[in-house]
Protein backbone atom coordinates (compact mmCIF):
# COMPACT_ATOMS: atom_id res chain seq x y z
CA MET A 1 9.15 -11.00 6.01
CA ASP A 2 9.44 -8.49 4.09
CA LEU A 3 6.31 -6.49 2.35
CA THR A 4 5.46 -3.52 0.84
CA ALA A 5 4.09 -0.40 2.16
CA ILE A 6 2.62 2.61 0.24
CA ILE A 7 1.88 5.66 2.40
CA LYS A 8 -0.59 8.85 0.35
CA LYS A 9 -1.54 11.84 1.77
CA GLY A 10 -5.25 12.13 2.15
CA GLU A 11 -7.33 14.74 3.28
CA LYS A 12 -6.58 15.07 6.93
CA GLN A 13 -4.51 11.83 7.11
CA TYR A 14 -1.86 9.89 5.68
CA VAL A 15 -3.15 6.35 4.51
CA ALA A 16 -0.97 3.28 4.48
CA LEU A 17 -1.86 0.19 2.14
CA CYS A 18 0.48 -3.48 2.17
CA PRO A 19 -0.74 -4.40 -1.43
CA GLU A 20 0.42 -7.87 -0.45
CA ILE A 21 -2.06 -8.93 1.52
CA ASP A 22 -5.20 -5.33 1.07
CA VAL A 23 -4.33 -4.49 4.75
CA VAL A 24 -4.99 -0.40 5.04
CA SER A 25 -3.92 1.54 7.66
CA GLN A 26 -3.71 5.32 8.47
CA GLY A 27 -2.12 8.02 11.03
CA TYR A 28 -1.55 12.01 11.14
CA THR A 29 2.28 11.86 10.39
CA VAL A 30 4.04 9.27 7.72
CA GLU A 31 5.48 7.79 10.63
CA GLU A 32 2.16 7.18 12.55
CA ALA A 33 1.17 5.50 9.62
CA LEU A 34 3.59 2.81 8.81
CA LYS A 35 3.54 2.10 12.46
CA ASN A 36 -0.32 1.50 12.54
CA LEU A 37 -0.23 -0.37 8.75
CA LYS A 38 2.91 -2.64 11.04
CA ASP A 39 0.88 -3.60 13.31
CA ALA A 40 -2.47 -3.87 11.55
CA VAL A 41 -0.56 -7.10 9.06
CA GLU A 42 1.13 -8.09 12.10
CA LEU A 43 -2.51 -8.60 13.46
CA TYR A 44 -3.71 -10.37 9.81
CA LEU A 45 -0.71 -12.49 9.93
CA GLU A 46 -1.64 -14.20 12.84
CA GLU A 47 -5.48 -14.70 11.95
CA PHE A 48 -4.66 -15.12 8.60
CA GLU A 49 -1.97 -17.52 6.81
CA ALA A 50 0.11 -15.19 4.21
CA PRO A 51 -0.72 -16.15 0.29
CA GLU A 52 1.23 -18.54 -0.91
CA GLU A 53 2.65 -16.18 -3.74
CA ILE A 54 3.78 -13.32 -1.30
CA LYS A 55 5.92 -16.79 0.99
CA SER A 56 7.41 -17.83 -2.74
CA GLU A 57 8.11 -14.73 -5.35
CA GLU A 58 10.00 -12.15 -5.02
CA ILE A 59 8.02 -8.33 -4.89
CA LEU A 60 10.44 -5.59 -7.18
CA VAL A 61 9.04 -1.91 -5.92
CA THR A 62 10.00 0.80 -8.28
CA HIS A 63 8.95 3.95 -9.47
CA LEU A 64 8.43 5.84 -12.93
CA ARG A 65 7.73 9.06 -14.22
CA VAL A 66 5.54 10.10 -16.91
CA LYS A 67 5.23 13.50 -18.67
CA ASP A 68 2.02 15.23 -17.47
CA ALA A 69 -0.62 14.18 -20.25
CA LYS A 70 -4.30 15.35 -20.41
CA ILE A 71 -7.09 12.73 -19.25
CA ALA A 72 -8.78 11.30 -21.68
CA SER A 73 -12.48 11.20 -21.55
CA PRO A 74 -14.06 7.28 -21.86
CA LEU A 75 -16.49 8.24 -24.07
CA GLY A 76 -14.24 10.35 -26.32
CA ALA A 77 -16.36 13.73 -26.48
């Protein structure tokens, strides 16, 4: 089964997320975070079955780049 891994640098560690099943792990290196996420996903799938939409749909992962923009105040202030 092919799943997505999103890895982001945190304050002290890298945080790794598998968004299809909402499993998160971490590690001090990208490699460690990815290994820990793989272990966590495998444990999850041993206990719970993968959601049907993961089994039947193709997942597309891509990136987009936008210009820097000011973040608007939620109240328009």
